[in-house]
Amino acid sequence: MSIFKINFNIERSIVLETNIDNVWDNITDTDKKSVWSPWLILEKKCKQKTKWRKATVWFLESWEWDVVWSWQQIITEIIKNEHILYDLTFLKPFKSSYKASFVLEWISETSTKLTWNMQWRIPIFLFFLKKMMTIMIWNDFERWLKMLKVILEKWKLDTSTEFSWVDTLEKKYYIWTKSQSSTKNLRNKINNSFIVLINIIKDHKLSPLSYFTIYNKSDIVNDYYEFEACIEISENDYKNFKLPIVSTYFLWLVEKMKVAVTTHNWSYDFIDNSWTWAYMYLKPNKFKKNSKYPSIELYEKWFVDNIDQSKYVTHIIIPIK
């Protein structure tokens, strides 16, 4: 008896300001891919077998992570500077199969279009997962291509992630302002919220102790986020200062919140890599997300320090049980 299935087809393209040979070299070399792939950079000890440079049709290539994923792919067709077709099979966390491709298009001597496509099917009774899976894989594509663009056009990608420590977050006094955003506008909305708060801090001669964002709601399926931009102040400032703005309040953060901290180094453009890492490493470390409390981004070095984005340091703080 056959099972009806739902077809998926996700495609993402990007124009890279470099020649087609350089693009081909980077997408067909496993060593180089391990630098710009947001999947592979999540685990430095990922076990890799084979190299793309020697690839031919039906050539098997595989990766195995100690933490979560393992997958393999077989090249079914490869034509230099044109395309790579392959069958992709995930073995962990659950078994699933896909058809995928990279297609290159020559635009000029210094410009190349790269298109990434993936197709797969799931049983129809899992129809409710289609939108979520589509968005998650589309986001993966977005990160892959964005990182590749930096590598090819700037020749350097220093983004790194570190699962740092488990700690107890003490209560904080802070002023905050609430806002909503889509993914596309999230970074600007957060920065603009902080600019408002920073001006308040300056006008009232307060001393900021830290800057952080509390994510009260993160809905990737509907592309909707609710967040609070926060500036920590001292207890003395809290007691002596009255703020005549309805939309900004003084509050406690929490009392003695146990947290897992993941540190993201480099541009905020690639912060999604570290958010993925932060949640991925909870299970192998035997932690569970404490749903009573929201997750937080704490900014150690960022735009208020007037430094280049390559020097940004952001801590992702996840409440745990």
Protein backbone atom coordinates (compact mmCIF):
# COMPACT_ATOMS: atom_id res chain seq x y z
CA MET A 1 0.00 0.00 0.00
CA SER A 2 1.55 3.29 -1.06
CA ILE A 3 1.68 6.28 1.22
CA PHE A 4 0.82 9.70 -0.19
CA LYS A 5 3.66 12.12 0.25
CA ILE A 6 4.18 15.88 0.15
CA ASN A 7 6.81 17.23 -2.22
CA PHE A 8 9.29 19.91 -1.17
CA ASN A 9 11.39 22.03 -3.48
CA ILE A 10 13.55 24.78 -1.99
CA GLU A 11 15.85 26.97 -4.04
CA ARG A 12 18.12 29.87 -3.17
CA SER A 13 20.45 31.87 -5.44
CA ILE A 14 23.20 34.40 -4.86
CA VAL A 15 25.48 36.46 -7.08
CA LEU A 16 29.13 36.20 -6.09
CA GLU A 17 31.55 38.87 -7.20
CA THR A 18 34.31 36.50 -8.25
CA ASN A 19 35.16 34.28 -11.21
CA ILE A 20 33.47 30.95 -11.80
CA ASP A 21 36.66 28.92 -11.24
CA ASN A 22 37.01 30.30 -7.74
CA VAL A 23 33.39 29.47 -6.89
CA TRP A 24 33.81 25.93 -8.23
CA ASP A 25 37.00 25.44 -6.27
CA ASN A 26 35.31 26.40 -2.99
CA ILE A 27 32.14 24.34 -3.36
CA THR A 28 34.04 21.20 -4.42
CA ASP A 29 36.72 21.16 -1.74
CA THR A 30 35.77 19.66 1.62
CA ASP A 31 38.52 21.51 3.47
CA LYS A 32 37.25 24.85 2.21
CA LYS A 33 33.63 23.89 2.76
CA SER A 34 34.37 23.24 6.43
CA VAL A 35 35.14 26.97 6.78
CA TRP A 36 31.99 28.39 5.20
CA SER A 37 29.43 25.69 6.01
CA PRO A 38 27.33 26.65 9.07
CA TRP A 39 26.70 22.93 9.63
CA LEU A 40 30.33 21.86 9.62
CA ILE A 41 31.66 24.74 11.72
CA LEU A 42 29.35 23.77 14.58
CA GLU A 43 31.56 20.84 15.51
CA LYS A 44 35.31 21.12 15.08
CA LYS A 45 35.75 17.37 15.52
CA CYS A 46 33.26 16.44 12.81
CA LYS A 47 34.51 13.24 11.17
CA GLN A 48 34.81 13.71 7.39
CA LYS A 49 35.56 11.08 4.79
CA THR A 50 36.77 11.69 1.21
CA LYS A 51 37.48 14.93 -0.62
CA TRP A 52 35.48 16.69 -3.27
CA ARG A 53 38.58 17.36 -5.38
CA LYS A 54 38.61 13.67 -6.32
CA ALA A 55 34.88 13.48 -6.83
CA THR A 56 33.35 11.49 -9.66
CA VAL A 57 29.85 10.17 -10.27
CA TRP A 58 28.68 7.83 -7.47
CA PHE A 59 31.51 9.01 -5.25
CA LEU A 60 30.51 8.70 -1.60
CA GLU A 61 31.20 11.49 0.88
CA SER A 62 30.16 11.49 4.53
CA TRP A 63 30.25 13.49 7.77
CA GLU A 64 29.61 12.31 11.31
CA TRP A 65 29.13 14.52 14.35
CA ASP A 66 29.55 13.36 17.92
CA VAL A 67 26.77 15.69 18.99
CA VAL A 68 23.77 15.49 16.67
CA TRP A 69 23.92 14.95 12.93
CA SER A 70 25.50 12.52 10.55
CA TRP A 71 24.87 12.43 6.83
CA GLN A 72 26.28 11.23 3.55
CA GLN A 73 25.93 12.18 -0.08
CA ILE A 74 26.58 10.51 -3.41
CA ILE A 75 27.33 12.57 -6.49
CA THR A 76 25.10 11.52 -9.35
CA GLU A 77 26.36 14.02 -11.91
CA ILE A 78 29.21 16.51 -11.94
CA ILE A 79 30.26 18.88 -14.74
CA LYS A 80 32.99 21.35 -13.92
CA ASN A 81 31.87 24.99 -13.64
CA GLU A 82 28.30 23.96 -14.46
CA HIS A 83 26.65 21.85 -11.80
CA ILE A 84 26.82 19.13 -9.15
CA LEU A 85 23.86 16.81 -8.59
CA TYR A 86 23.81 14.56 -5.56
CA ASP A 87 21.68 12.32 -3.37
CA LEU A 88 21.81 13.40 0.26
CA THR A 89 20.88 11.10 3.16
CA PHE A 90 20.69 12.16 6.80
CA LEU A 91 21.33 9.29 9.22
CA LYS A 92 20.96 11.27 12.48
CA PRO A 93 18.88 12.60 14.19
CA PHE A 94 16.45 10.72 11.91
CA LYS A 95 16.79 9.09 8.53
CA SER A 96 15.66 11.11 5.52
CA SER A 97 16.64 11.39 1.85
CA TYR A 98 16.96 14.35 -0.51
CA LYS A 99 17.91 15.32 -4.04
CA ALA A 100 20.13 18.37 -4.16
CA SER A 101 22.20 20.43 -6.56
CA PHE A 102 24.59 23.32 -7.02
CA VAL A 103 24.23 25.12 -10.34
CA LEU A 104 26.73 27.73 -11.51
CA GLU A 105 26.02 30.43 -14.09
CA TRP A 106 28.73 32.58 -15.65
CA ILE A 107 27.79 36.26 -15.58
CA SER A 108 31.13 37.90 -16.29
CA GLU A 109 34.84 37.40 -15.68
CA THR A 110 34.32 38.67 -12.13
CA SER A 111 30.76 37.63 -11.36
CA THR A 112 29.06 34.24 -10.91
CA LYS A 113 25.54 33.18 -10.00
CA LEU A 114 25.24 30.16 -7.71
CA THR A 115 21.92 28.36 -7.16
CA TRP A 116 21.35 25.75 -4.50
CA ASN A 117 18.32 23.48 -4.77
CA MET A 118 16.96 20.70 -2.58
CA GLN A 119 14.01 18.37 -3.14
CA TRP A 120 12.48 15.76 -0.86
CA ARG A 121 9.22 14.14 0.20
CA ILE A 122 7.56 13.44 3.54
CA PRO A 123 4.46 11.37 4.39
CA ILE A 124 1.24 13.35 4.05
CA PHE A 125 0.35 12.83 7.72
CA LEU A 126 3.30 15.09 8.54
CA PHE A 127 1.85 17.96 6.47
CA PHE A 128 1.89 20.25 9.52
CA LEU A 129 5.71 20.16 9.46
CA LYS A 130 6.03 21.38 5.88
CA LYS A 131 6.12 25.11 6.57
CA MET A 132 8.49 24.79 9.53
CA MET A 133 10.90 22.48 7.67
CA THR A 134 10.84 24.71 4.60
CA ILE A 135 11.74 27.77 6.62
CA MET A 136 14.46 25.99 8.60
CA ILE A 137 16.16 24.65 5.48
CA TRP A 138 15.74 27.97 3.66
CA ASN A 139 17.48 29.64 6.61
CA ASP A 140 20.29 27.09 6.36
CA PHE A 141 20.67 27.91 2.66
CA GLU A 142 20.73 31.60 3.47
CA ARG A 143 23.53 31.15 5.99
CA TRP A 144 25.58 28.87 3.71
CA LEU A 145 25.47 31.27 0.79
CA LYS A 146 26.06 34.36 2.91
CA MET A 147 29.16 32.81 4.48
CA LEU A 148 30.43 31.65 1.10
CA LYS A 149 30.01 35.17 -0.26
CA VAL A 150 32.19 36.58 2.51
CA ILE A 151 34.87 33.94 1.87
CA LEU A 152 34.97 34.55 -1.87
CA GLU A 153 34.72 38.34 -1.86
CA LYS A 154 36.65 39.26 1.28
CA TRP A 155 38.92 36.20 1.48
CA LYS A 156 38.42 35.86 5.22
CA LEU A 157 35.74 34.55 7.55
CA ASP A 158 36.61 34.68 11.25
CA THR A 159 33.24 33.76 12.71
CA SER A 160 33.51 31.27 15.57
CA THR A 161 31.28 29.82 18.26
CA GLU A 162 32.14 28.42 21.66
CA PHE A 163 29.95 26.60 24.16
CA SER A 164 31.33 28.58 27.09
CA TRP A 165 29.99 27.79 30.52
CA VAL A 166 27.08 27.08 32.82
CA ASP A 167 26.43 29.79 35.35
CA THR A 168 23.82 31.44 37.54
CA LEU A 169 22.54 34.75 36.27
CA GLU A 170 21.93 37.13 39.16
CA LYS A 171 19.01 39.53 39.33
CA LYS A 172 19.50 42.79 37.46
CA TYR A 173 18.04 46.27 37.52
CA TYR A 174 17.48 47.57 34.02
CA ILE A 175 15.52 49.89 31.80
CA TRP A 176 13.93 48.41 28.74
CA THR A 177 11.76 49.06 25.74
CA LYS A 178 9.64 46.46 23.98
CA SER A 179 9.28 45.95 20.23
CA GLN A 180 8.29 43.46 17.53
CA SER A 181 10.00 42.58 14.26
CA SER A 182 10.41 40.22 11.34
CA THR A 183 13.73 38.47 10.74
CA LYS A 184 14.71 40.90 8.00
CA ASN A 185 14.37 43.98 10.22
CA LEU A 186 15.35 42.42 13.55
CA ARG A 187 18.92 43.73 13.77
CA ASN A 188 17.91 47.30 12.90
CA LYS A 189 14.96 47.21 15.28
CA ILE A 190 17.19 46.05 18.14
CA ASN A 191 19.84 48.68 17.41
CA ASN A 192 17.24 51.47 17.16
CA SER A 193 15.72 50.39 20.47
CA PHE A 194 19.11 50.61 22.12
CA ILE A 195 19.77 54.04 20.64
CA VAL A 196 16.62 55.29 22.38
CA LEU A 197 17.73 53.78 25.69
CA ILE A 198 21.30 55.02 25.34
CA ASN A 199 20.05 58.57 24.89
CA ILE A 200 17.98 58.22 28.06
CA ILE A 201 21.04 56.92 29.91
CA LYS A 202 23.11 59.87 28.72
CA ASP A 203 20.44 62.47 29.44
CA HIS A 204 20.09 61.29 33.02
CA LYS A 205 23.80 60.68 33.60
CA LEU A 206 23.38 57.01 34.42
CA SER A 207 26.15 54.43 34.18
CA PRO A 208 25.24 51.43 32.01
CA LEU A 209 26.52 48.11 33.36
CA SER A 210 25.55 45.83 30.46
CA TYR A 211 23.43 45.65 27.33
CA PHE A 212 21.20 42.70 26.48
CA THR A 213 18.10 41.63 24.54
CA ILE A 214 15.39 39.42 26.02
CA TYR A 215 13.48 37.35 23.44
CA ASN A 216 9.97 36.86 24.76
CA LYS A 217 8.70 35.28 21.56
CA SER A 218 10.60 33.76 18.62
CA ASP A 219 8.32 32.33 15.93
CA ILE A 220 10.37 31.31 12.88
CA VAL A 221 7.37 29.80 11.11
CA ASN A 222 5.41 33.06 11.09
CA ASP A 223 8.56 35.21 11.05
CA TYR A 224 7.63 37.10 14.17
CA TYR A 225 9.74 38.17 17.16
CA GLU A 226 8.91 40.03 20.36
CA PHE A 227 11.88 41.36 22.27
CA GLU A 228 12.96 43.76 24.97
CA ALA A 229 16.12 45.83 24.51
CA CYS A 230 17.61 46.28 27.99
CA ILE A 231 20.33 48.32 29.67
CA GLU A 232 21.39 47.23 33.13
CA ILE A 233 21.84 49.96 35.75
CA SER A 234 23.04 49.97 39.34
CA GLU A 235 20.78 49.46 42.32
CA ASN A 236 21.54 53.02 43.41
CA ASP A 237 20.44 54.42 40.03
CA TYR A 238 17.34 52.29 40.24
CA LYS A 239 16.36 53.71 43.64
CA ASN A 240 17.05 57.34 42.80
CA PHE A 241 15.84 57.65 39.23
CA LYS A 242 12.27 58.13 37.99
CA LEU A 243 11.70 57.71 34.30
CA PRO A 244 8.76 59.67 32.81
CA ILE A 245 8.32 57.41 29.77
CA VAL A 246 5.40 55.00 29.71
CA SER A 247 6.98 52.48 27.33
CA THR A 248 10.14 52.01 29.38
CA TYR A 249 10.19 50.37 32.78
CA PHE A 250 12.40 49.23 35.63
CA LEU A 251 12.14 45.53 36.36
CA TRP A 252 13.99 42.58 37.82
CA LEU A 253 15.42 40.15 35.33
CA VAL A 254 15.01 36.97 37.39
CA GLU A 255 16.22 35.58 40.66
CA LYS A 256 19.17 33.21 40.40
CA MET A 257 18.53 31.86 36.92
CA LYS A 258 20.71 28.91 35.92
CA VAL A 259 21.89 29.36 32.35
CA ALA A 260 24.03 27.83 29.60
CA VAL A 261 26.15 30.40 27.79
CA THR A 262 27.37 30.20 24.19
CA THR A 263 29.72 32.86 22.85
CA HIS A 264 29.60 34.15 19.29
CA ASN A 265 32.62 35.96 17.88
CA TRP A 266 32.51 38.11 14.75
CA SER A 267 29.72 39.85 12.86
CA TYR A 268 26.14 39.69 14.05
CA ASP A 269 25.24 38.68 10.48
CA PHE A 270 26.13 35.11 11.46
CA ILE A 271 24.56 35.01 14.91
CA ASP A 272 22.15 32.28 13.74
CA ASN A 273 25.08 29.85 13.68
CA SER A 274 25.57 30.34 17.39
CA TRP A 275 21.88 30.17 18.24
CA THR A 276 21.77 26.80 16.45
CA TRP A 277 24.88 25.68 18.34
CA ALA A 278 23.49 26.88 21.70
CA TYR A 279 20.36 24.75 21.48
CA MET A 280 22.11 21.81 19.82
CA TYR A 281 24.54 21.40 22.70
CA LEU A 282 21.93 21.28 25.46
CA LYS A 283 21.05 17.59 25.03
CA PRO A 284 24.57 16.09 24.96
CA ASN A 285 25.38 18.15 28.06
CA LYS A 286 22.21 16.80 29.70
CA PHE A 287 20.52 20.19 29.96
CA LYS A 288 16.91 21.10 29.30
CA LYS A 289 15.63 24.51 28.30
CA ASN A 290 13.76 26.11 31.17
CA SER A 291 10.63 27.36 29.41
CA LYS A 292 9.70 29.56 32.37
CA TYR A 293 12.31 32.10 31.30
CA PRO A 294 13.18 33.66 27.93
CA SER A 295 16.53 33.41 26.16
CA ILE A 296 18.89 36.38 26.09
CA GLU A 297 21.60 37.96 23.97
CA LEU A 298 24.24 39.75 26.03
CA TYR A 299 26.50 42.13 24.09
CA GLU A 300 30.08 42.24 25.34
CA LYS A 301 31.49 44.08 22.31
CA TRP A 302 29.22 45.58 19.66
CA PHE A 303 28.12 48.74 17.87
CA VAL A 304 28.09 51.01 20.94
CA ASP A 305 31.84 50.36 21.26
CA ASN A 306 32.45 51.84 17.78
CA ILE A 307 34.41 48.81 16.62
CA ASP A 308 34.44 46.81 13.41
CA GLN A 309 31.87 44.00 13.27
CA SER A 310 34.65 41.44 13.03
CA LYS A 311 35.42 42.22 16.69
CA TYR A 312 31.89 41.81 18.02
CA VAL A 313 31.39 39.40 20.93
CA THR A 314 27.85 38.25 21.73
CA HIS A 315 26.84 35.80 24.47
CA ILE A 316 23.72 33.69 23.98
CA ILE A 317 22.19 32.87 27.34
CA ILE A 318 19.67 30.01 27.58
CA PRO A 319 17.89 29.30 30.88
CA ILE A 320 18.27 25.62 31.77
CA LYS A 321 16.99 23.12 34.31
